[in-house]
Protein backbone atom coordinates (compact mmCIF):
# COMPACT_ATOMS: atom_id res chain seq x y z
CA MET A 1 46.06 135.73 102.81
CA SER A 2 47.22 132.11 103.45
CA ASN A 3 49.73 130.00 101.61
CA LEU A 4 49.43 126.34 100.62
CA ILE A 5 52.38 124.12 99.90
CA LEU A 6 51.53 121.32 97.45
CA ARG A 7 53.87 118.39 97.66
CA THR A 8 53.51 115.90 94.82
CA ARG A 9 55.71 113.06 93.87
CA PRO A 10 58.78 114.75 92.35
CA ALA A 11 59.53 114.28 88.68
CA PHE A 12 62.69 112.46 89.71
CA ASP A 13 62.50 110.21 92.77
CA THR A 14 66.20 109.72 94.01
CA GLU A 15 65.25 106.84 96.37
CA ARG A 16 63.38 104.89 93.59
CA PHE A 17 66.24 105.63 91.24
CA VAL A 18 68.67 104.07 93.62
CA ARG A 19 66.47 101.08 94.35
CA GLU A 20 66.00 100.39 90.68
CA PHE A 21 69.65 100.92 89.92
CA PHE A 22 70.99 98.62 92.71
CA GLY A 23 68.00 96.23 92.60
CA PRO A 24 67.92 92.81 94.29
CA VAL A 25 70.68 90.53 93.10
CA THR A 26 70.07 86.77 93.32
CA ALA A 27 72.73 84.30 94.11
CA GLY A 28 72.57 83.05 90.48
CA GLU A 29 73.35 86.53 89.14
CA TRP A 30 76.44 86.80 91.38
CA ALA A 31 77.73 83.48 89.94
CA LYS A 32 77.16 84.66 86.41
CA GLY A 33 79.11 87.86 86.44
CA ILE A 34 80.37 90.87 88.32
CA ASN A 35 78.61 93.58 90.27
CA PRO A 36 80.83 96.70 90.10
CA ALA A 37 80.57 99.32 92.74
CA VAL A 38 78.32 102.20 91.86
CA GLU A 39 77.82 105.59 93.26
CA VAL A 40 74.73 107.76 92.41
CA ASP A 41 74.99 111.41 93.27
CA ARG A 42 73.17 114.68 92.52
CA ASP A 43 74.94 117.69 90.91
CA GLY A 44 72.48 120.54 90.72
CA GLU A 45 69.71 119.32 88.49
CA ASP A 46 71.77 116.45 87.12
CA ALA A 47 72.12 112.82 88.26
CA VAL A 48 75.68 111.58 88.19
CA ILE A 49 76.38 107.78 88.18
CA ARG A 50 79.87 106.54 88.76
CA VAL A 51 80.84 102.87 88.05
CA ASP A 52 84.15 101.54 89.22
CA LEU A 53 85.51 99.60 86.21
CA PRO A 54 89.33 99.38 86.74
CA GLY A 55 91.09 97.40 84.03
CA VAL A 56 88.17 97.32 81.67
CA ASP A 57 88.55 98.37 78.04
CA VAL A 58 85.46 100.54 77.81
CA GLU A 59 85.86 101.14 74.06
CA LYS A 60 85.68 97.44 73.41
CA ASP A 61 83.71 96.00 76.41
CA VAL A 62 81.19 98.60 77.71
CA THR A 63 77.99 100.05 76.25
CA VAL A 64 75.75 102.79 77.74
CA GLU A 65 72.35 102.93 75.95
CA VAL A 66 69.09 104.77 76.32
CA ASP A 67 66.17 102.75 75.07
CA ARG A 68 62.51 103.35 75.78
CA GLY A 69 63.07 105.47 78.73
CA ARG A 70 65.61 103.23 80.41
CA LEU A 71 69.34 103.66 80.86
CA ALA A 72 71.31 100.53 80.41
CA ILE A 73 75.03 100.02 81.28
CA ARG A 74 76.40 96.73 80.08
CA GLY A 75 79.91 95.41 79.96
CA GLU A 76 82.35 92.63 80.72
CA ARG A 77 85.72 92.43 82.64
CA ARG A 78 87.84 89.97 80.78
CA ASP A 79 90.72 87.95 82.28
CA GLU A 80 93.19 88.44 79.50
CA ARG A 81 95.89 86.63 81.36
CA ALA A 82 93.95 83.37 82.13
CA GLU A 83 95.69 81.37 79.43
CA GLU A 84 99.15 82.44 80.56
CA ARG A 85 98.83 80.89 84.08
CA ASP A 86 99.88 77.31 84.98
CA GLY A 87 96.70 76.80 87.03
CA ARG A 88 98.00 78.01 90.29
CA ARG A 89 96.74 81.41 91.35
CA VAL A 90 95.01 83.48 94.00
CA SER A 91 92.54 86.09 92.83
CA GLU A 92 90.10 88.36 94.53
CA VAL A 93 89.17 90.04 91.22
CA ARG A 94 85.89 88.92 89.69
CA TYR A 95 85.62 88.59 85.93
CA GLY A 96 82.62 88.38 83.83
CA SER A 97 79.76 90.40 82.49
CA PHE A 98 77.55 92.94 84.21
CA HIS A 99 74.28 94.72 83.41
CA ARG A 100 72.56 97.64 85.18
CA SER A 101 69.37 99.18 84.03
CA PHE A 102 66.86 101.76 85.47
CA ALA A 103 64.06 104.01 84.43
CA LEU A 104 64.71 107.59 83.51
CA PRO A 105 62.31 110.34 84.40
CA VAL A 106 59.84 110.94 81.55
CA HIS A 107 61.18 114.36 80.70
CA VAL A 108 64.82 113.25 80.10
CA THR A 109 65.65 112.98 76.41
CA ASN A 110 68.40 110.75 74.85
CA ASP A 111 70.56 113.80 74.28
CA ALA A 112 70.57 114.49 78.10
CA VAL A 113 72.77 111.40 78.79
CA SER A 114 76.43 111.58 78.35
CA ALA A 115 79.29 109.27 79.47
CA GLY A 116 82.98 109.42 80.11
CA TYR A 117 85.81 107.23 81.38
CA ASP A 118 88.87 108.32 83.42
CA ALA A 119 91.15 106.53 85.79
CA GLY A 120 89.05 103.33 85.92
CA VAL A 121 85.78 105.12 86.59
CA LEU A 122 82.83 105.34 84.18
CA THR A 123 80.85 108.49 84.75
CA VAL A 124 77.32 108.79 83.31
CA ARG A 125 75.63 112.16 83.62
CA VAL A 126 71.85 112.46 83.20
CA ALA A 127 71.30 116.21 82.58
CA GLY A 128 68.15 117.72 84.11
CA ALA A 129 67.09 114.46 85.94
CA HIS A 130 66.25 116.39 89.01
CA LYS A 131 64.54 119.30 87.17
CA GLY A 132 61.20 120.20 88.77
CA ALA A 133 61.93 117.85 91.83
CA GLU A 134 61.48 120.70 94.27
CA PRO A 135 58.01 121.50 95.64
CA HIS A 136 56.34 124.62 94.25
CA ARG A 137 54.54 126.94 96.61
CA VAL A 138 51.27 128.37 95.38
CA ALA A 139 49.79 131.56 96.92
CA ILE A 140 46.07 131.54 97.61
CA GLU A 141 44.19 134.84 97.21
CA ALA A 142 41.39 135.52 99.61
CA LYS A 143 38.23 136.98 97.97
């Protein structure tokens, strides 16, 4: 008896996920808004996305949506103190809007996506994103 290992494209391609999430950013996009630091990680069969958003009011200024198989994270970091300054300032903090969007695996439902915010980090969990991503070994019976 011999064994055959079938390797097909996994249901969830982590490299493609990261490419689509981080995507190319043009100089014009940098000028329009911010590009918060993002970390994409695997936790069992789940994908976990962490977005650094310190000082952002997530209840008022951030939305996480699933629409037609895409996850979209949108928001804005507002400079609430801009009017209080007399014109002289040094700031390394970027203010403005941001938008990240990427395709979800076809088997992921809207209910599989959850989000939370703690200590300046938005965490989005996509339950079961890696489900079925491992190759399946099929035994061949000799006749």
